[in-house]
């Protein structure tokens, strides 16, 4: 577990996202109950899932009033926009947030091979619409979009994305957990 301030500082150090902006976004997520709030005199503590959620929302660059909607979207986006039934195989990530959390857990508690695999990934958080693209070292791309949407379809004339290299993601998670 890491305190919210430590997570925000680490995101600024490893990803380069300014603390002045991340503080407002994290406050919005806390007000919506999506991040822990702590208690009087006790700072909020975040786990890997919370850190991944905060990173995803910051990198998708929403307007401040859209931060909560972006956070909820990352909890709903599925691989390729598939509508997953309850009996879908467990090997399929249920959401983009779950995928990022698994990657973070592999970094903090996995073996050396999975650690290097995550280090060579690239994560793209699209700004104009809800999409996470995970580029693997083998050259495959997994796109997470809202269920029912076409992952191969560009939603706007221009695609702008915040990119987090796997090495920065690994360094962030190692620093925090």
C-alpha atoms as a PDB file:
ATOM      1  CA  UNK A   1       0.000   0.000   0.000  1.00  0.00           C
ATOM      2  CA  UNK A   2       1.172   3.506  -0.815  1.00  0.00           C
ATOM      3  CA  UNK A   3      -0.221   6.838   0.282  1.00  0.00           C
ATOM      4  CA  UNK A   4      -2.004   8.995  -2.266  1.00  0.00           C
ATOM      5  CA  UNK A   5       0.675  11.706  -2.052  1.00  0.00           C
ATOM      6  CA  UNK A   6       3.398   9.146  -2.712  1.00  0.00           C
ATOM      7  CA  UNK A   7       1.500   7.806  -5.736  1.00  0.00           C
ATOM      8  CA  UNK A   8       1.053  11.323  -7.133  1.00  0.00           C
ATOM      9  CA  UNK A   9       4.739  12.113  -6.586  1.00  0.00           C
ATOM     10  CA  UNK A  10       5.806   8.857  -8.256  1.00  0.00           C
ATOM     11  CA  UNK A  11       3.542   9.488 -11.240  1.00  0.00           C
ATOM     12  CA  UNK A  12       5.156  12.886 -11.648  1.00  0.00           C
ATOM     13  CA  UNK A  13       8.655  11.394 -11.329  1.00  0.00           C
ATOM     14  CA  UNK A  14       8.285   8.332 -13.562  1.00  0.00           C
ATOM     15  CA  UNK A  15       5.557   9.350 -16.014  1.00  0.00           C
ATOM     16  CA  UNK A  16       6.031  13.113 -16.031  1.00  0.00           C
ATOM     17  CA  UNK A  17       2.426  14.019 -15.264  1.00  0.00           C
ATOM     18  CA  UNK A  18       2.300  17.319 -13.321  1.00  0.00           C
ATOM     19  CA  UNK A  19       1.252  17.157  -9.701  1.00  0.00           C
ATOM     20  CA  UNK A  20      -0.852  20.299 -10.032  1.00  0.00           C
ATOM     21  CA  UNK A  21      -3.248  18.487 -12.386  1.00  0.00           C
ATOM     22  CA  UNK A  22      -3.174  15.064 -10.742  1.00  0.00           C
ATOM     23  CA  UNK A  23      -4.232  16.445  -7.367  1.00  0.00           C
ATOM     24  CA  UNK A  24      -7.525  17.773  -8.755  1.00  0.00           C
ATOM     25  CA  UNK A  25      -8.275  14.560 -10.636  1.00  0.00           C
ATOM     26  CA  UNK A  26      -7.569  12.391  -7.583  1.00  0.00           C
ATOM     27  CA  UNK A  27      -9.840  14.588  -5.463  1.00  0.00           C
ATOM     28  CA  UNK A  28     -12.681  14.096  -7.961  1.00  0.00           C
ATOM     29  CA  UNK A  29     -12.179  10.324  -7.873  1.00  0.00           C
ATOM     30  CA  UNK A  30     -12.188  10.353  -4.068  1.00  0.00           C
ATOM     31  CA  UNK A  31     -15.407  12.387  -3.983  1.00  0.00           C
ATOM     32  CA  UNK A  32     -17.033   9.794  -6.263  1.00  0.00           C
ATOM     33  CA  UNK A  33     -15.866   6.943  -4.022  1.00  0.00           C
ATOM     34  CA  UNK A  34     -13.573   5.474  -6.681  1.00  0.00           C
ATOM     35  CA  UNK A  35     -10.399   6.080  -4.653  1.00  0.00           C
ATOM     36  CA  UNK A  36     -10.044   5.720  -0.876  1.00  0.00           C
ATOM     37  CA  UNK A  37     -10.392   8.904   1.156  1.00  0.00           C
ATOM     38  CA  UNK A  38      -8.530   8.019   4.332  1.00  0.00           C
ATOM     39  CA  UNK A  39      -9.623   9.339   7.704  1.00  0.00           C
ATOM     40  CA  UNK A  40      -8.920  12.433   9.773  1.00  0.00           C
ATOM     41  CA  UNK A  41      -5.165  12.486  10.310  1.00  0.00           C
ATOM     42  CA  UNK A  42      -4.693   9.279   8.268  1.00  0.00           C
ATOM     43  CA  UNK A  43      -3.685   9.598   4.615  1.00  0.00           C
ATOM     44  CA  UNK A  44      -5.521   7.479   2.044  1.00  0.00           C
ATOM     45  CA  UNK A  45      -3.667   4.308   1.062  1.00  0.00           C
ATOM     46  CA  UNK A  46      -3.835   3.022  -2.493  1.00  0.00           C
ATOM     47  CA  UNK A  47      -3.175  -0.488  -3.787  1.00  0.00           C
ATOM     48  CA  UNK A  48      -2.064  -1.496  -7.292  1.00  0.00           C
ATOM     49  CA  UNK A  49      -5.611  -1.291  -8.659  1.00  0.00           C
ATOM     50  CA  UNK A  50      -6.091   2.235  -7.325  1.00  0.00           C
ATOM     51  CA  UNK A  51      -2.728   3.372  -8.712  1.00  0.00           C
ATOM     52  CA  UNK A  52      -3.587   1.898 -12.129  1.00  0.00           C
ATOM     53  CA  UNK A  53      -6.993   3.602 -12.110  1.00  0.00           C
ATOM     54  CA  UNK A  54      -5.449   6.957 -11.271  1.00  0.00           C
ATOM     55  CA  UNK A  55      -2.769   6.521 -13.958  1.00  0.00           C
ATOM     56  CA  UNK A  56      -5.356   5.557 -16.599  1.00  0.00           C
ATOM     57  CA  UNK A  57      -7.560   8.542 -15.846  1.00  0.00           C
ATOM     58  CA  UNK A  58      -4.640  10.970 -15.828  1.00  0.00           C
ATOM     59  CA  UNK A  59      -3.198   9.643 -19.086  1.00  0.00           C
ATOM     60  CA  UNK A  60      -6.537   9.679 -20.904  1.00  0.00           C
ATOM     61  CA  UNK A  61      -6.528  13.457 -20.286  1.00  0.00           C
ATOM     62  CA  UNK A  62     -10.163  14.150 -19.546  1.00  0.00           C
ATOM     63  CA  UNK A  63     -11.542  17.527 -18.629  1.00  0.00           C
ATOM     64  CA  UNK A  64     -11.698  17.671 -14.852  1.00  0.00           C
ATOM     65  CA  UNK A  65     -15.464  17.228 -14.791  1.00  0.00           C
ATOM     66  CA  UNK A  66     -15.103  14.060 -16.948  1.00  0.00           C
ATOM     67  CA  UNK A  67     -12.589  12.299 -14.676  1.00  0.00           C
ATOM     68  CA  UNK A  68     -15.199  10.150 -12.926  1.00  0.00           C
ATOM     69  CA  UNK A  69     -16.752   9.065 -16.245  1.00  0.00           C
ATOM     70  CA  UNK A  70     -13.314   8.094 -17.571  1.00  0.00           C
ATOM     71  CA  UNK A  71     -12.598   6.075 -14.413  1.00  0.00           C
ATOM     72  CA  UNK A  72     -15.868   4.192 -14.741  1.00  0.00           C
ATOM     73  CA  UNK A  73     -15.176   3.563 -18.427  1.00  0.00           C
ATOM     74  CA  UNK A  74     -11.824   1.913 -17.647  1.00  0.00           C
ATOM     75  CA  UNK A  75     -13.674  -0.440 -15.329  1.00  0.00           C
ATOM     76  CA  UNK A  76     -16.074  -1.357 -18.158  1.00  0.00           C
ATOM     77  CA  UNK A  77     -13.859  -1.512 -21.274  1.00  0.00           C
ATOM     78  CA  UNK A  78     -13.316  -5.041 -22.576  1.00  0.00           C
ATOM     79  CA  UNK A  79     -10.830  -6.513 -25.069  1.00  0.00           C
ATOM     80  CA  UNK A  80     -12.006  -5.691 -28.571  1.00  0.00           C
ATOM     81  CA  UNK A  81     -15.305  -4.383 -27.210  1.00  0.00           C
ATOM     82  CA  UNK A  82     -16.522  -7.922 -26.584  1.00  0.00           C
ATOM     83  CA  UNK A  83     -19.669  -8.370 -24.562  1.00  0.00           C
ATOM     84  CA  UNK A  84     -18.473 -10.904 -22.016  1.00  0.00           C
ATOM     85  CA  UNK A  85     -20.880 -13.381 -20.505  1.00  0.00           C
ATOM     86  CA  UNK A  86     -20.555 -14.771 -16.997  1.00  0.00           C
ATOM     87  CA  UNK A  87     -19.172 -18.061 -18.339  1.00  0.00           C
ATOM     88  CA  UNK A  88     -16.372 -16.431 -20.395  1.00  0.00           C
ATOM     89  CA  UNK A  89     -12.921 -17.957 -19.712  1.00  0.00           C
ATOM     90  CA  UNK A  90     -10.980 -16.494 -16.797  1.00  0.00           C
ATOM     91  CA  UNK A  91      -8.017 -15.872 -19.103  1.00  0.00           C
ATOM     92  CA  UNK A  92      -9.922 -12.980 -20.702  1.00  0.00           C
ATOM     93  CA  UNK A  93      -9.478  -9.746 -18.723  1.00  0.00           C
ATOM     94  CA  UNK A  94     -12.865  -8.414 -17.666  1.00  0.00           C
ATOM     95  CA  UNK A  95     -11.811  -4.768 -18.062  1.00  0.00           C
ATOM     96  CA  UNK A  96      -8.941  -2.496 -19.015  1.00  0.00           C
ATOM     97  CA  UNK A  97      -8.479  -1.711 -15.331  1.00  0.00           C
ATOM     98  CA  UNK A  98      -8.226  -5.409 -14.482  1.00  0.00           C
ATOM     99  CA  UNK A  99      -5.640  -5.851 -17.255  1.00  0.00           C
ATOM    100  CA  UNK A 100      -3.492  -2.990 -15.927  1.00  0.00           C
ATOM    101  CA  UNK A 101      -3.798  -4.333 -12.382  1.00  0.00           C
ATOM    102  CA  UNK A 102      -2.627  -7.792 -13.469  1.00  0.00           C
ATOM    103  CA  UNK A 103       0.345  -6.177 -15.234  1.00  0.00           C
ATOM    104  CA  UNK A 104       1.159  -4.244 -12.049  1.00  0.00           C
ATOM    105  CA  UNK A 105       0.910  -7.399  -9.928  1.00  0.00           C
ATOM    106  CA  UNK A 106       3.254  -9.219 -12.323  1.00  0.00           C
ATOM    107  CA  UNK A 107       5.782  -6.433 -11.809  1.00  0.00           C
ATOM    108  CA  UNK A 108       5.571  -6.423  -8.025  1.00  0.00           C
ATOM    109  CA  UNK A 109       5.302 -10.139  -7.363  1.00  0.00           C
ATOM    110  CA  UNK A 110       5.993 -11.976 -10.598  1.00  0.00           C
ATOM    111  CA  UNK A 111       8.948 -13.872 -11.940  1.00  0.00           C
ATOM    112  CA  UNK A 112      11.792 -12.329 -13.942  1.00  0.00           C
ATOM    113  CA  UNK A 113      10.328 -13.373 -17.304  1.00  0.00           C
ATOM    114  CA  UNK A 114       6.965 -11.684 -16.738  1.00  0.00           C
ATOM    115  CA  UNK A 115       8.772  -8.653 -15.295  1.00  0.00           C
ATOM    116  CA  UNK A 116      10.768  -8.255 -18.543  1.00  0.00           C
ATOM    117  CA  UNK A 117       7.629  -8.831 -20.611  1.00  0.00           C
ATOM    118  CA  UNK A 118       5.852  -5.899 -18.935  1.00  0.00           C
ATOM    119  CA  UNK A 119       8.990  -3.753 -19.257  1.00  0.00           C
ATOM    120  CA  UNK A 120       8.802  -4.112 -23.059  1.00  0.00           C
ATOM    121  CA  UNK A 121       5.093  -3.233 -23.349  1.00  0.00           C
ATOM    122  CA  UNK A 122       3.692   0.121 -24.406  1.00  0.00           C
ATOM    123  CA  UNK A 123       0.348   1.411 -23.143  1.00  0.00           C
ATOM    124  CA  UNK A 124      -1.625   4.025 -25.088  1.00  0.00           C
ATOM    125  CA  UNK A 125      -4.469   5.860 -23.354  1.00  0.00           C
ATOM    126  CA  UNK A 126      -6.545   7.521 -26.090  1.00  0.00           C
ATOM    127  CA  UNK A 127      -7.772  11.052 -25.395  1.00  0.00           C
ATOM    128  CA  UNK A 128     -10.692  11.542 -27.794  1.00  0.00           C
ATOM    129  CA  UNK A 129     -12.637   8.379 -26.953  1.00  0.00           C
ATOM    130  CA  UNK A 130     -12.481   5.530 -24.460  1.00  0.00           C
ATOM    131  CA  UNK A 131      -9.674   3.175 -25.527  1.00  0.00           C
ATOM    132  CA  UNK A 132      -6.599   1.526 -24.040  1.00  0.00           C
ATOM    133  CA  UNK A 133      -4.153  -0.070 -26.471  1.00  0.00           C
ATOM    134  CA  UNK A 134      -1.615  -2.459 -24.986  1.00  0.00           C
ATOM    135  CA  UNK A 135       1.288  -3.154 -27.346  1.00  0.00           C
ATOM    136  CA  UNK A 136       3.218  -6.313 -26.490  1.00  0.00           C
ATOM    137  CA  UNK A 137       6.909  -6.927 -27.266  1.00  0.00           C
ATOM    138  CA  UNK A 138       5.864  -9.514 -29.882  1.00  0.00           C
ATOM    139  CA  UNK A 139       4.052  -6.814 -31.845  1.00  0.00           C
ATOM    140  CA  UNK A 140       0.478  -7.726 -30.945  1.00  0.00           C
ATOM    141  CA  UNK A 141      -1.958  -5.030 -29.883  1.00  0.00           C
ATOM    142  CA  UNK A 142      -4.856  -5.552 -27.503  1.00  0.00           C
ATOM    143  CA  UNK A 143      -7.408  -2.776 -27.669  1.00  0.00           C
ATOM    144  CA  UNK A 144      -9.853  -2.265 -24.830  1.00  0.00           C
ATOM    145  CA  UNK A 145     -13.017  -0.334 -25.708  1.00  0.00           C
ATOM    146  CA  UNK A 146     -16.505  -0.133 -24.269  1.00  0.00           C
ATOM    147  CA  UNK A 147     -18.579  -3.292 -24.861  1.00  0.00           C
ATOM    148  CA  UNK A 148     -20.273  -3.309 -28.238  1.00  0.00           C
ATOM    149  CA  UNK A 149     -17.882  -0.828 -29.883  1.00  0.00           C
ATOM    150  CA  UNK A 150     -15.546  -1.797 -32.705  1.00  0.00           C
ATOM    151  CA  UNK A 151     -11.948  -1.754 -31.494  1.00  0.00           C
ATOM    152  CA  UNK A 152     -10.642  -1.586 -35.062  1.00  0.00           C
ATOM    153  CA  UNK A 153     -12.690   1.506 -35.820  1.00  0.00           C
ATOM    154  CA  UNK A 154     -11.242   4.949 -35.195  1.00  0.00           C
ATOM    155  CA  UNK A 155     -13.868   7.007 -33.381  1.00  0.00           C
ATOM    156  CA  UNK A 156     -12.690  10.466 -34.538  1.00  0.00           C
ATOM    157  CA  UNK A 157     -10.646  11.973 -37.371  1.00  0.00           C
ATOM    158  CA  UNK A 158      -7.514  12.237 -35.216  1.00  0.00           C
ATOM    159  CA  UNK A 159      -6.168   9.765 -32.684  1.00  0.00           C
ATOM    160  CA  UNK A 160      -4.217  11.350 -29.839  1.00  0.00           C
ATOM    161  CA  UNK A 161      -2.984   9.178 -26.995  1.00  0.00           C
ATOM    162  CA  UNK A 162      -0.988   9.475 -23.810  1.00  0.00           C
ATOM    163  CA  UNK A 163       1.759   6.865 -24.018  1.00  0.00           C
ATOM    164  CA  UNK A 164       3.313   5.071 -21.055  1.00  0.00           C
ATOM    165  CA  UNK A 165       6.293   2.920 -21.922  1.00  0.00           C
ATOM    166  CA  UNK A 166       6.470  -0.375 -20.088  1.00  0.00           C
ATOM    167  CA  UNK A 167       9.737   0.581 -18.445  1.00  0.00           C
ATOM    168  CA  UNK A 168       8.161   3.697 -16.889  1.00  0.00           C
ATOM    169  CA  UNK A 169       5.181   1.595 -15.740  1.00  0.00           C
ATOM    170  CA  UNK A 170       7.531  -0.969 -14.173  1.00  0.00           C
ATOM    171  CA  UNK A 171       9.577   1.734 -12.442  1.00  0.00           C
ATOM    172  CA  UNK A 172       6.405   3.362 -11.109  1.00  0.00           C
ATOM    173  CA  UNK A 173       5.049   0.127  -9.660  1.00  0.00           C
ATOM    174  CA  UNK A 174       8.426  -0.938  -8.228  1.00  0.00           C
ATOM    175  CA  UNK A 175       8.789   2.469  -6.581  1.00  0.00           C
ATOM    176  CA  UNK A 176       5.328   2.255  -4.990  1.00  0.00           C
ATOM    177  CA  UNK A 177       4.919  -1.409  -4.086  1.00  0.00           C
END
